[in-house]
Protein backbone atom coordinates (compact mmCIF):
# COMPACT_ATOMS: atom_id res chain seq x y z
CA MET A 1 -10.15 -10.55 12.29
CA PRO A 2 -6.48 -11.55 12.44
CA ASP A 3 -4.03 -8.99 11.15
CA LEU A 4 -4.07 -8.41 7.40
CA PHE A 5 -0.29 -8.99 7.05
CA SER A 6 -0.42 -12.21 9.19
CA ARG A 7 -3.14 -13.59 6.91
CA LEU A 8 -1.20 -12.67 3.73
CA ALA A 9 1.96 -14.31 5.13
CA ALA A 10 0.18 -17.52 6.24
CA ARG A 11 -1.88 -18.10 3.15
CA SER A 12 -1.01 -21.04 0.90
CA PRO A 13 1.01 -20.10 -2.20
CA ASP A 14 -1.54 -22.04 -4.29
CA ALA A 15 -4.50 -20.17 -2.90
CA LEU A 16 -6.48 -18.11 -5.38
CA ALA A 17 -5.67 -14.38 -5.00
CA GLY A 18 -7.81 -13.17 -7.87
CA ARG A 19 -8.45 -13.23 -11.57
CA ARG A 20 -6.96 -11.28 -14.43
CA ALA A 21 -8.62 -11.48 -17.86
CA GLY A 22 -10.49 -14.54 -16.66
CA GLU A 23 -7.27 -16.42 -15.70
CA PRO A 24 -6.50 -17.30 -12.04
CA VAL A 25 -3.73 -15.50 -10.22
CA ARG A 26 -2.24 -17.42 -7.34
CA HIS A 27 -1.19 -16.11 -3.97
CA ALA A 28 2.46 -16.86 -4.69
CA ALA A 29 2.40 -14.48 -7.69
CA LEU A 30 0.77 -11.73 -5.68
CA LEU A 31 3.39 -12.13 -2.89
CA ALA A 32 6.17 -11.90 -5.44
CA ARG A 33 4.82 -8.54 -6.69
CA ILE A 34 4.35 -7.26 -3.21
CA ARG A 35 8.01 -8.01 -2.45
CA SER A 36 9.09 -6.32 -5.65
CA TRP A 37 7.22 -3.18 -4.75
CA ALA A 38 8.52 -3.27 -1.22
CA ALA A 39 12.09 -3.56 -2.51
CA LEU A 40 11.50 -0.52 -4.76
CA GLY A 41 10.24 1.42 -1.80
CA ARG A 42 13.09 0.52 0.50
CA ARG A 43 15.69 1.74 -2.09
CA ALA A 44 14.06 5.15 -2.03
CA GLY A 45 13.72 5.81 1.74
CA THR A 46 10.48 6.28 3.66
CA GLY A 47 9.01 9.32 1.94
CA PRO A 48 5.38 9.23 0.87
CA VAL A 49 4.28 8.03 -2.62
CA ALA A 50 1.30 8.68 -4.85
CA LEU A 51 -0.23 5.44 -6.16
CA HIS A 52 -2.52 4.90 -9.14
CA HIS A 53 -2.96 1.69 -10.99
CA GLU A 54 -6.00 0.44 -12.87
CA ASP A 55 -5.20 -3.25 -12.28
CA SER A 56 -6.54 -4.08 -8.81
CA LEU A 57 -4.13 -6.96 -8.20
CA GLU A 58 -1.12 -4.86 -9.11
CA PHE A 59 -2.57 -1.98 -7.07
CA ALA A 60 -2.95 -4.28 -4.07
CA ALA A 61 0.68 -5.48 -4.40
CA ALA A 62 1.97 -1.90 -4.63
CA LEU A 63 -0.10 -0.71 -1.67
CA VAL A 64 1.06 -3.57 0.60
CA GLY A 65 4.65 -3.27 -0.64
CA ALA A 66 4.67 0.48 0.13
CA TRP A 67 3.44 -0.25 3.71
CA LEU A 68 6.14 -2.87 4.11
CA ALA A 69 8.66 -0.23 3.07
CA GLY A 70 7.27 2.22 5.68
CA LYS A 71 5.66 4.53 3.13
CA THR A 72 2.46 6.55 3.45
CA VAL A 73 0.38 6.19 0.25
CA TRP A 74 -1.51 9.08 -1.27
CA LEU A 75 -4.42 7.86 -3.34
CA ALA A 76 -4.93 9.84 -6.51
CA ALA A 77 -8.50 9.70 -7.88
CA ASP A 78 -7.23 10.28 -11.39
CA VAL A 79 -4.09 11.12 -13.33
CA LEU A 80 -5.17 14.43 -14.82
CA PRO A 81 -2.51 17.18 -15.01
CA ALA A 82 -4.09 19.22 -12.17
CA THR A 83 -4.10 16.18 -9.89
CA CYS A 84 -0.50 15.33 -10.64
CA ALA A 85 0.57 18.98 -10.00
CA ALA A 86 -1.21 19.00 -6.68
CA LEU A 87 0.42 15.77 -5.58
CA ALA A 88 3.92 16.72 -6.74
CA GLY A 89 4.52 18.88 -3.76
CA ARG A 90 3.32 16.26 -1.23
CA VAL A 91 5.00 13.00 -2.37
CA ASP A 92 8.51 11.83 -3.16
CA ALA A 93 7.56 9.60 -6.05
CA PHE A 94 4.73 8.49 -8.36
CA TRP A 95 4.02 4.77 -8.49
CA GLY A 96 2.00 2.99 -11.19
CA ASP A 97 0.38 4.30 -14.36
CA PHE A 98 0.84 8.00 -14.05
CA PRO A 99 1.71 10.05 -17.17
CA ALA A 100 5.38 10.03 -18.25
CA ALA A 101 5.79 13.63 -17.06
CA CYS A 102 5.48 12.29 -13.44
CA ALA A 103 8.38 9.82 -13.98
CA PRO A 104 6.25 6.98 -12.60
CA ARG A 105 8.07 3.98 -11.14
CA VAL A 106 7.23 0.31 -11.49
CA PRO A 107 9.51 -2.52 -10.21
CA ALA A 108 10.77 -5.39 -12.26
CA ASP A 109 9.66 -8.91 -11.27
CA ALA A 110 13.10 -9.77 -9.93
CA ASP A 111 13.32 -6.80 -7.62
CA GLY A 112 11.80 -8.66 -4.65
CA ALA A 113 13.99 -11.73 -4.77
CA GLY A 114 15.26 -12.71 -1.36
CA ALA A 115 13.05 -10.27 0.48
CA ASP A 116 11.10 -12.89 2.62
CA ALA A 117 12.81 -11.87 5.88
CA ALA A 118 11.62 -8.28 5.59
CA TRP A 119 7.93 -9.06 6.16
CA ARG A 120 6.82 -6.75 9.00
CA ALA A 121 3.30 -5.42 9.56
CA PRO A 122 2.88 -1.68 10.28
CA VAL A 123 2.21 -0.56 13.81
CA PRO A 124 -1.39 0.50 14.53
CA ASP A 125 -0.53 4.23 14.55
CA PHE A 126 1.30 4.01 11.21
CA PRO A 127 0.09 6.76 8.85
CA ALA A 128 -0.90 4.36 6.15
CA LEU A 129 -2.95 6.41 3.74
CA VAL A 130 -4.13 9.75 2.59
CA VAL A 131 -7.45 9.80 0.72
CA PHE A 132 -9.49 12.73 -0.59
CA THR A 133 -13.05 13.73 -0.04
CA SER A 134 -15.20 13.27 -3.10
CA GLY A 135 -15.59 16.98 -3.99
CA THR A 136 -19.38 16.73 -4.22
CA THR A 137 -19.80 19.95 -2.20
CA GLY A 138 -16.50 21.66 -2.88
CA ALA A 139 -12.77 21.10 -3.52
CA PRO A 140 -11.45 17.68 -2.48
CA VAL A 141 -9.75 17.71 0.94
CA PRO A 142 -7.00 15.26 2.00
CA ILE A 143 -7.88 12.95 4.85
CA PRO A 144 -5.10 10.98 6.60
CA LYS A 145 -5.85 7.40 7.74
CA ARG A 146 -3.91 5.35 10.27
CA PHE A 147 -3.45 1.62 9.78
CA ALA A 148 -5.64 0.79 12.81
CA GLN A 149 -8.55 2.75 11.35
CA LEU A 150 -8.47 0.64 8.25
CA THR A 151 -8.15 -2.74 10.02
CA SER A 152 -10.97 -1.73 12.42
CA GLU A 153 -13.29 -1.09 9.47
CA LEU A 154 -12.32 -4.50 7.98
CA ASP A 155 -13.28 -6.12 11.24
CA ALA A 156 -16.66 -4.44 11.26
CA LEU A 157 -17.35 -5.37 7.58
CA GLU A 158 -16.41 -9.04 8.12
CA ALA A 159 -18.38 -9.29 11.35
CA GLN A 160 -21.51 -7.86 9.66
CA PHE A 161 -21.44 -9.38 6.23
CA GLY A 162 -18.63 -11.98 5.95
CA ALA A 163 -20.62 -15.11 6.71
CA ALA A 164 -23.06 -14.47 3.84
CA LEU A 165 -20.23 -13.82 1.31
CA GLY A 166 -18.14 -16.91 1.87
CA ASP A 167 -15.42 -17.27 -0.76
CA ALA A 168 -17.22 -15.43 -3.53
CA ASP A 169 -15.31 -13.50 -6.15
CA VAL A 170 -15.29 -9.68 -5.72
CA VAL A 171 -16.48 -7.97 -8.90
CA ALA A 172 -16.63 -4.16 -9.11
CA THR A 173 -17.89 -1.27 -11.21
CA VAL A 174 -16.22 1.22 -8.90
CA SER A 175 -12.55 2.35 -8.76
CA HIS A 176 -10.33 1.31 -5.88
CA GLN A 177 -8.74 4.83 -5.90
CA HIS A 178 -11.15 6.09 -3.18
CA ILE A 179 -11.99 4.84 0.29
CA TYR A 180 -15.07 2.78 -0.55
CA GLY A 181 -13.43 0.92 -3.43
CA LEU A 182 -10.17 0.61 -1.53
CA LEU A 183 -11.82 -1.06 1.52
CA PHE A 184 -14.42 -3.25 -0.26
CA ARG A 185 -12.45 -4.16 -3.44
CA ILE A 186 -8.90 -4.39 -2.14
CA LEU A 187 -8.29 -4.62 1.61
CA TRP A 188 -11.40 -6.62 2.64
CA PRO A 189 -10.84 -9.32 0.02
CA LEU A 190 -7.10 -9.51 0.89
CA ALA A 191 -7.86 -9.94 4.58
CA ALA A 192 -10.71 -12.44 4.06
CA GLY A 193 -9.07 -14.43 1.27
CA ARG A 194 -11.72 -13.71 -1.35
CA PRO A 195 -10.53 -13.54 -5.01
CA LEU A 196 -10.50 -10.03 -6.44
CA HIS A 197 -10.78 -9.18 -10.11
CA ALA A 198 -7.97 -7.16 -11.63
CA ALA A 199 -10.28 -5.16 -13.93
CA ARG A 200 -13.37 -3.24 -13.08
CA HIS A 201 -16.47 -3.49 -15.22
CA GLU A 202 -17.38 0.00 -16.37
CA PHE A 203 -20.00 -1.15 -18.78
CA PRO A 204 -22.97 -3.41 -18.10
CA GLU A 205 -22.36 -5.40 -21.25
CA THR A 206 -19.27 -6.95 -19.62
CA LEU A 207 -20.60 -6.94 -16.07
CA ALA A 208 -23.62 -9.16 -16.69
CA PRO A 209 -21.59 -12.11 -18.10
CA ALA A 210 -18.86 -11.66 -15.45
CA LEU A 211 -21.39 -12.10 -12.66
CA ALA A 212 -22.87 -15.23 -14.28
CA VAL A 213 -19.77 -17.48 -14.04
CA ARG A 214 -19.37 -18.22 -10.33
CA PRO A 215 -20.44 -17.07 -6.82
CA ALA A 216 -19.78 -13.29 -6.73
CA VAL A 217 -20.10 -10.08 -4.75
CA LEU A 218 -20.88 -6.90 -6.69
CA LEU A 219 -19.52 -3.56 -5.58
CA ALA A 220 -21.29 -0.69 -7.27
CA SER A 221 -22.39 2.90 -6.86
CA PRO A 222 -25.86 4.45 -7.12
CA ALA A 223 -24.94 5.86 -10.46
CA HIS A 224 -24.12 2.39 -11.87
CA LEU A 225 -27.08 0.62 -10.30
CA LYS A 226 -29.74 3.02 -11.52
CA ARG A 227 -28.42 2.69 -15.08
CA LEU A 228 -28.40 -1.13 -15.35
CA PRO A 229 -30.19 -1.79 -18.70
CA ALA A 230 -33.11 -4.18 -18.44
CA HIS A 231 -32.61 -5.55 -21.97
CA LEU A 232 -29.41 -7.49 -20.89
CA ASP A 233 -29.57 -11.04 -19.58
CA TRP A 234 -29.12 -10.76 -15.80
CA ASP A 235 -30.47 -14.26 -14.99
CA GLY A 236 -26.99 -15.71 -14.54
CA ALA A 237 -25.99 -12.86 -12.25
CA ALA A 238 -29.10 -13.30 -10.14
CA ALA A 239 -28.26 -17.01 -9.76
CA HIS A 240 -24.70 -16.40 -8.59
CA LEU A 241 -24.78 -13.19 -6.59
CA ARG A 242 -24.35 -13.44 -2.89
CA ALA A 243 -24.57 -9.70 -2.20
CA VAL A 244 -24.73 -6.35 -3.98
CA PHE A 245 -23.09 -3.37 -2.15
CA SER A 246 -23.76 0.32 -2.95
CA SER A 247 -21.99 3.29 -1.47
CA GLY A 248 -20.55 6.61 -2.44
CA GLY A 249 -23.88 8.41 -2.38
CA MET A 250 -27.58 7.84 -1.58
CA LEU A 251 -29.41 5.25 -3.71
CA GLU A 252 -32.81 6.41 -4.78
CA THR A 253 -35.68 4.13 -3.82
CA GLU A 254 -36.69 3.47 -7.46
CA ALA A 255 -33.06 2.73 -8.31
CA ALA A 256 -32.88 0.22 -5.43
CA ARG A 257 -35.94 -1.56 -6.72
CA HIS A 258 -34.72 -1.53 -10.26
CA ALA A 259 -31.38 -3.14 -9.28
CA ALA A 260 -33.08 -5.70 -7.09
CA ALA A 261 -35.49 -6.70 -9.88
CA LEU A 262 -32.58 -7.34 -12.24
CA LEU A 263 -29.97 -8.74 -9.95
CA GLY A 264 -32.22 -10.78 -7.68
CA ARG A 265 -30.91 -9.16 -4.51
CA ALA A 266 -31.67 -5.81 -3.00
CA PRO A 267 -28.48 -3.77 -2.71
CA ILE A 268 -26.86 -3.40 0.74
CA GLU A 269 -26.34 0.36 1.06
CA VAL A 270 -23.39 1.42 3.16
CA TYR A 271 -23.37 4.93 4.64
CA GLY A 272 -20.21 6.66 5.68
CA SER A 273 -17.69 9.29 4.75
CA SER A 274 -14.02 9.65 4.08
CA GLU A 275 -13.51 11.27 7.44
CA THR A 276 -15.51 8.77 9.60
CA GLY A 277 -15.26 5.56 7.60
CA GLY A 278 -18.26 3.25 7.43
CA ILE A 279 -21.16 4.21 9.77
CA ALA A 280 -24.22 2.11 9.01
CA TRP A 281 -26.02 0.00 6.49
CA ARG A 282 -29.51 -0.86 5.23
CA GLN A 283 -31.13 -3.24 2.72
CA ARG A 284 -34.53 -2.12 1.39
CA THR A 285 -36.14 -5.46 0.68
CA ALA A 286 -39.90 -5.67 0.35
CA GLY A 287 -41.57 -4.05 3.39
CA ALA A 288 -38.38 -2.57 4.81
CA ASP A 289 -38.32 0.96 6.01
CA GLU A 290 -35.72 3.73 5.51
CA GLY A 291 -33.78 3.02 8.73
CA TRP A 292 -29.98 2.58 8.97
CA THR A 293 -28.40 0.01 11.28
CA PRO A 294 -24.95 1.00 12.71
CA LEU A 295 -22.02 -1.21 11.76
CA PRO A 296 -20.43 -3.21 14.67
CA GLY A 297 -18.42 -0.90 16.95
CA VAL A 298 -20.12 2.35 15.78
CA ALA A 299 -21.93 4.48 18.37
CA TRP A 300 -24.28 7.29 17.24
CA ARG A 301 -26.45 9.93 18.72
CA ALA A 302 -28.54 12.89 17.58
CA GLY A 303 -27.23 16.19 18.78
CA ALA A 304 -29.38 19.05 20.06
CA ASP A 305 -29.24 20.62 16.59
CA GLY A 306 -30.57 17.37 15.09
CA LEU A 307 -27.27 16.51 13.44
CA LEU A 308 -25.77 12.98 13.46
CA ALA A 309 -22.70 12.43 15.62
CA VAL A 310 -20.73 9.22 15.53
CA ARG A 311 -17.87 7.57 17.50
CA SER A 312 -15.92 4.52 16.27
CA ALA A 313 -12.40 3.08 15.93
CA GLN A 314 -12.47 3.64 12.16
CA ALA A 315 -13.21 7.34 12.66
CA GLY A 316 -9.81 7.58 14.30
CA THR A 317 -10.64 9.43 17.41
CA GLY A 318 -12.29 8.73 20.74
CA ASP A 319 -14.35 11.90 20.42
CA TRP A 320 -17.72 12.38 18.86
CA GLN A 321 -17.63 13.55 15.29
CA THR A 322 -20.58 15.56 14.03
CA LEU A 323 -21.65 15.22 10.41
CA ALA A 324 -23.76 17.58 8.33
CA ASP A 325 -26.65 15.09 8.04
CA ARG A 326 -29.94 15.61 9.92
CA VAL A 327 -31.05 12.46 11.73
CA GLU A 328 -33.98 11.04 13.61
CA GLU A 329 -34.08 8.05 15.92
CA ALA A 330 -35.82 4.86 14.72
CA ASP A 331 -36.64 1.60 16.48
CA GLY A 332 -34.07 -1.06 17.30
CA GLY A 333 -31.11 1.34 17.78
CA ARG A 334 -31.39 2.56 14.16
CA PHE A 335 -31.69 6.01 12.67
CA VAL A 336 -33.26 7.71 9.64
CA LEU A 337 -31.48 10.37 7.67
CA ARG A 338 -33.41 13.54 7.02
CA GLY A 339 -31.19 15.39 4.57
CA ARG A 340 -28.07 17.59 4.63
CA ALA A 341 -27.67 20.57 6.81
CA ASP A 342 -24.65 22.13 5.16
CA ARG A 343 -26.19 22.95 1.79
CA ILE A 344 -26.99 26.45 2.89
CA VAL A 345 -25.52 29.35 0.97
CA LYS A 346 -25.76 33.14 1.39
CA ILE A 347 -26.84 35.12 -1.70
CA GLU A 348 -27.17 38.84 -1.04
CA GLU A 349 -27.15 38.15 2.74
CA LYS A 350 -30.02 35.73 2.44
CA ARG A 351 -29.63 32.15 3.70
CA ILE A 352 -30.85 29.77 1.03
CA SER A 353 -31.25 26.02 1.13
CA LEU A 354 -30.00 24.38 -2.01
CA ASP A 355 -31.78 21.16 -1.01
CA ALA A 356 -35.08 23.07 -0.82
CA ILE A 357 -34.70 24.40 -4.30
CA GLU A 358 -33.84 21.00 -5.75
CA ALA A 359 -36.89 19.49 -4.06
CA ALA A 360 -39.08 22.25 -5.46
CA LEU A 361 -37.72 21.57 -9.00
CA LEU A 362 -38.48 17.87 -8.72
CA ALA A 363 -41.97 18.45 -7.44
CA GLY A 364 -43.28 20.10 -10.63
CA GLY A 365 -43.06 17.19 -12.98
CA LEU A 366 -40.71 18.83 -15.53
CA VAL A 367 -37.48 17.65 -13.90
CA ARG A 368 -36.15 14.15 -13.28
CA GLU A 369 -32.90 15.00 -11.59
CA ALA A 370 -31.62 18.38 -10.35
CA ARG A 371 -28.54 19.82 -8.68
CA VAL A 372 -28.31 23.47 -7.64
CA LEU A 373 -25.01 25.16 -6.73
CA ALA A 374 -23.76 28.59 -6.01
CA GLY A 375 -21.48 29.77 -8.80
CA PRO A 376 -20.13 32.91 -10.51
CA ASP A 377 -22.38 35.09 -12.58
CA ALA A 378 -21.26 35.32 -16.19
CA GLY A 379 -18.70 38.01 -16.24
CA ARG A 380 -20.12 40.10 -13.36
CA GLY A 381 -18.07 38.94 -10.46
CA ARG A 382 -20.96 38.06 -8.11
CA GLN A 383 -22.34 34.79 -6.81
CA VAL A 384 -25.64 33.48 -8.19
CA LEU A 385 -27.41 30.12 -8.19
CA ALA A 386 -26.98 27.74 -11.09
CA ALA A 387 -29.38 24.83 -11.73
CA PHE A 388 -28.19 21.72 -13.52
CA VAL A 389 -31.33 19.86 -14.73
CA VAL A 390 -32.03 16.49 -16.26
CA PRO A 391 -35.54 17.09 -17.69
CA SER A 392 -38.34 14.52 -17.42
CA ASP A 393 -40.19 13.45 -20.56
CA ALA A 394 -42.56 16.36 -20.02
CA GLY A 395 -39.67 18.74 -19.54
CA ARG A 396 -38.01 17.49 -22.81
CA ALA A 397 -41.24 18.05 -24.64
CA ALA A 398 -41.34 21.60 -23.28
CA LEU A 399 -37.73 22.19 -24.22
CA ALA A 400 -38.26 20.94 -27.78
CA GLU A 401 -41.39 23.08 -28.19
CA GLY A 402 -40.34 26.41 -26.69
CA GLY A 403 -36.53 26.21 -26.30
CA LYS A 404 -34.34 26.86 -23.25
CA SER A 405 -35.71 30.29 -22.46
CA ALA A 406 -39.30 29.02 -22.30
CA LEU A 407 -38.35 26.15 -20.02
CA ASN A 408 -36.25 28.51 -17.83
CA ALA A 409 -39.27 30.74 -17.43
CA ARG A 410 -41.59 27.81 -16.57
CA LEU A 411 -39.25 26.49 -13.92
CA ARG A 412 -38.55 29.91 -12.41
CA ALA A 413 -42.31 30.56 -12.25
CA GLN A 414 -42.79 27.10 -10.52
CA LEU A 415 -40.16 28.11 -7.94
CA ALA A 416 -41.37 31.58 -7.45
CA SER A 417 -44.54 30.43 -5.65
CA GLY A 418 -42.43 29.29 -2.66
CA LEU A 419 -39.10 31.03 -2.90
CA GLU A 420 -37.88 34.63 -2.72
CA ALA A 421 -36.66 36.14 -5.93
CA VAL A 422 -33.05 36.04 -4.75
CA ALA A 423 -33.24 32.25 -4.38
CA LEU A 424 -34.24 31.65 -7.94
CA PRO A 425 -31.46 30.25 -10.20
CA ARG A 426 -30.01 32.69 -12.67
CA ARG A 427 -28.09 30.14 -14.75
CA TRP A 428 -29.45 26.97 -16.22
CA ARG A 429 -27.86 23.93 -17.87
CA TYR A 430 -30.01 21.12 -19.31
CA LEU A 431 -28.32 17.79 -19.49
CA ASP A 432 -29.03 14.25 -20.69
CA ALA A 433 -27.53 12.95 -17.43
CA LEU A 434 -25.60 14.39 -14.48
CA PRO A 435 -21.92 13.86 -15.06
CA VAL A 436 -20.25 11.28 -12.81
CA ASP A 437 -16.62 10.43 -12.15
CA ALA A 438 -14.98 7.08 -11.75
CA ARG A 439 -16.43 6.81 -8.27
CA GLY A 440 -19.97 7.26 -9.63
CA LYS A 441 -20.18 10.65 -7.96
CA THR A 442 -21.29 14.01 -9.39
CA THR A 443 -18.88 16.65 -8.17
CA ALA A 444 -19.31 20.35 -7.79
CA ALA A 445 -16.24 20.93 -9.93
CA GLN A 446 -17.73 18.83 -12.84
CA LEU A 447 -20.94 20.83 -12.72
CA LEU A 448 -19.39 24.32 -12.39
CA ALA A 449 -17.15 23.57 -15.29
CA LEU A 450 -20.24 23.42 -17.45
CA LEU A 451 -20.81 27.11 -16.78
CA ASP A 452 -17.54 28.13 -18.28
CA PRO A 453 -17.26 29.14 -21.96
CA ALA A 454 -16.05 26.08 -23.78
CA PRO A 455 -12.36 26.48 -24.70
CA ALA A 456 -10.96 25.08 -27.86
CA ARG A 457 -10.61 21.36 -27.35
CA PRO A 458 -7.89 19.22 -28.94
CA ARG A 459 -8.92 16.72 -31.58
CA ASP A 460 -5.58 15.04 -32.14
CA PRO A 461 -3.06 13.17 -30.04
CA ALA A 462 0.55 14.13 -29.46
CA VAL A 463 2.50 12.18 -32.08
CA ARG A 464 6.16 11.03 -32.05
CA VAL A 465 7.75 9.06 -34.96
CA LEU A 466 9.70 6.08 -33.62
CA GLU A 467 10.52 4.26 -36.88
CA ARG A 468 9.82 4.96 -40.54
CA ASP A 469 10.58 3.60 -44.02
CA ALA A 470 8.72 3.63 -47.35
CA ALA A 471 6.15 0.97 -46.40
CA ARG A 472 5.97 1.16 -42.61
CA VAL A 473 5.79 3.73 -39.87
CA LEU A 474 5.73 3.18 -36.03
CA LEU A 475 4.21 6.16 -34.07
CA GLU A 476 3.80 6.85 -30.41
CA LEU A 477 0.55 8.55 -29.66
CA THR A 478 -0.48 10.20 -26.38
CA VAL A 479 -4.13 11.04 -26.10
CA PRO A 480 -4.82 14.30 -24.20
CA ALA A 481 -7.18 14.09 -21.23
CA ASP A 482 -9.41 16.86 -22.66
CA LEU A 483 -9.76 15.37 -26.14
CA LEU A 484 -13.02 16.47 -27.68
CA TYR A 485 -13.97 12.87 -28.65
CA PHE A 486 -14.01 11.78 -25.04
CA ASP A 487 -17.29 13.65 -24.54
CA GLY A 488 -20.17 11.24 -23.99
CA HIS A 489 -17.83 8.20 -24.35
CA PHE A 490 -18.40 7.46 -21.55
CA ALA A 491 -19.73 9.32 -18.46
CA VAL A 492 -18.19 6.88 -15.93
CA ALA A 493 -14.70 6.84 -17.45
CA PRO A 494 -13.52 8.29 -20.81
CA VAL A 495 -12.55 5.90 -23.45
CA LEU A 496 -11.24 6.62 -27.03
CA PRO A 497 -13.93 5.71 -29.47
CA GLY A 498 -13.17 3.00 -32.03
CA VAL A 499 -14.21 5.22 -34.99
CA VAL A 500 -11.56 7.77 -33.89
CA GLN A 501 -8.86 5.12 -33.82
CA VAL A 502 -9.79 4.09 -37.40
CA ASP A 503 -9.78 7.70 -38.47
CA TRP A 504 -6.33 8.33 -37.05
CA ALA A 505 -4.98 5.29 -38.79
CA ILE A 506 -6.33 6.51 -42.14
CA ARG A 507 -5.05 10.08 -41.52
CA TYR A 508 -1.54 9.12 -40.44
CA GLY A 509 -1.32 6.51 -43.20
CA ALA A 510 -1.90 9.31 -45.70
CA GLN A 511 0.54 11.65 -43.92
CA TYR A 512 3.48 9.27 -43.48
CA LEU A 513 2.95 6.57 -46.17
CA GLY A 514 1.11 8.44 -48.88
CA CYS A 515 -2.07 6.31 -48.48
CA ALA A 516 -4.64 8.91 -49.55
CA GLY A 517 -7.02 6.91 -51.61
CA ALA A 518 -10.76 6.63 -51.35
CA PHE A 519 -12.04 4.46 -48.52
CA ALA A 520 -13.26 1.08 -49.70
CA GLY A 521 -13.74 -0.88 -46.44
CA ILE A 522 -12.23 -2.46 -43.45
CA GLN A 523 -11.22 -6.12 -42.87
CA ALA A 524 -10.21 -7.97 -39.68
CA LEU A 525 -11.20 -5.11 -37.40
CA LYS A 526 -10.72 -5.99 -33.75
CA PHE A 527 -10.88 -3.88 -30.55
CA GLN A 528 -9.19 -5.74 -27.68
CA GLN A 529 -8.51 -3.14 -24.94
CA MET A 530 -9.73 0.42 -24.31
CA ILE A 531 -7.45 3.41 -24.74
CA ARG A 532 -7.67 5.91 -21.86
CA PRO A 533 -6.71 9.57 -21.44
CA GLU A 534 -2.96 10.26 -21.21
CA GLN A 535 -2.17 6.65 -22.04
CA PRO A 536 0.74 6.30 -24.44
CA VAL A 537 0.07 3.86 -27.20
CA ARG A 538 1.94 2.87 -30.32
CA LEU A 539 0.38 2.85 -33.72
CA GLU A 540 2.06 0.67 -36.41
CA LEU A 541 1.01 1.31 -40.00
CA SER A 542 2.08 -1.01 -42.85
CA ARG A 543 1.27 -0.23 -46.47
CA ASP A 544 0.77 -2.90 -49.15
CA ALA A 545 0.52 -0.97 -52.44
CA ALA A 546 -0.17 -4.07 -54.54
CA LYS A 547 -3.28 -4.95 -52.49
CA GLY A 548 -4.37 -1.41 -51.91
CA SER A 549 -4.43 -1.91 -48.18
CA LEU A 550 -3.10 -0.25 -45.00
CA ALA A 551 -2.74 -2.49 -41.94
CA PHE A 552 -2.83 -0.79 -38.55
CA ARG A 553 -2.13 -1.98 -35.08
CA TYR A 554 -2.55 -0.07 -31.75
CA PHE A 555 -0.58 -1.61 -28.80
CA SER A 556 1.14 -0.68 -25.52
CA ALA A 557 2.83 -2.30 -22.53
CA ALA A 558 -0.71 -3.44 -21.56
CA GLY A 559 -1.00 -5.47 -24.80
CA ALA A 560 -3.02 -5.11 -28.01
CA HIS A 561 -5.63 -2.43 -28.20
CA ALA A 562 -6.94 -2.53 -31.77
CA SER A 563 -6.04 -3.69 -35.28
CA GLY A 564 -7.47 -3.96 -38.76
CA ARG A 565 -6.85 -3.51 -42.46
CA ILE A 566 -8.14 -0.47 -44.36
CA LEU A 567 -8.87 -1.03 -48.03
CA SER A 568 -8.60 1.58 -50.80
CA GLY A 569 -9.73 1.52 -54.37
CA PRO A 570 -7.50 -0.41 -56.83
CA ASP A 571 -6.04 2.65 -58.44
CA GLN A 572 -5.16 4.46 -55.19
CA ALA A 573 -1.82 5.04 -53.49
CA CYS A 574 -2.27 2.06 -51.11
């Protein structure tokens, strides 16, 4: 494939770069934003930057602009305080939609004027990117990526799949803030000239209609595909989809069949890692086996210990890299994965396979999903095994009948027939679903946090009064990332519930405008955009005492979020 930067420079200004809120964004507009970001970067030297932006078109412009300015980009998976603190010592600046405490920088539209002559592609060895491992088996680890590694992977993807995709729109449920989303949702569409959508579809209610409009490619994770609700109308999606990709974890056989039945296409599963890049793919259509086909340019072999070793340009080295996955050879140059080899822990000097415990839990019929980790014993300073279990229908019935202790005992007895006593989990958590992050992954940190005693959680935003008079007040609200009301709303990405927004409007109306009457109804209630953790928004409250109403409006630089009119009884303060 020709160089990414050459393609961007040569593309017609009128070409379709993507879509934002259903409206087309032309290539000229994308180039203007790229030049603005590049100008911002050049004014600040060549030090690395951390980049986070929810809008994929703006993210793409910032990423390419940073590279034009000679900057290495660190990809932040989120903007939580701990993440920002970890990045602060590694980067010179924060770009995009980080919290105000990070002093994030965003260029003005005019910043890139006259920058046409500065368009130079990075050299192959340019340290383009630092991504992080997912954290599914421990703390996330930074992984550097040279520019040539990224372009090599784009070549492999286009060679393998490009002809079938054509000029289809790229629609995603996954974030571009990790390597899978970055390659498939940003860099590959940019290089191939496929329109990319600025927003990701976190909820199936918006995904189904978005896929039904025009030819499309869906980028998803196993967590999203297995939860597609059958009651939605997927006929339009099935008629327009040219491919469904799944990566970021192993897709269960039943989930693959479920997605294929609804979407009309069996998902193309892509196997790889942050360290090695893409390795292989498979598509389990009717009659297909479990084998994986290497991507173009990827060599593989099974080592003497049965572990998979790979060598490719996207892996970034001419040496063989050994993974922690067991592998067996299949026909046609393919391979079959036989489980992880690195999920072995030592408890009281005994080597214990966490995979074996999980398999034993699933075999008994009481458990639908299970994850077992080594974690701290409650207050005793030693390491024990903890089981995080999503019960089956039978397991839920047992839990309802006998409680947690009874189900603990049944599962321990089930395991005891094949495991030593030291390998039995000592701590148990029963969940409606395994928690997943924006990448659709269940991380060790997420699960182990469930073992800690729950600290007091904030229920209110940080509030700052901007303007105030007798009948109107303008507030700035910043919603803390650990707000109690984010729990369960939703697992993929936290969103402030609408009922909380209404409650805050009523409460702050009473506090600042004296609107403390009995609630009598709501009129003209609208929710336009979601409110996310650490996102500053403004809340405007206007009191009409004669009508007994309180108008509220949530808005930010991103536009309107919610609005409505709260009614009180006729004799009340509002």
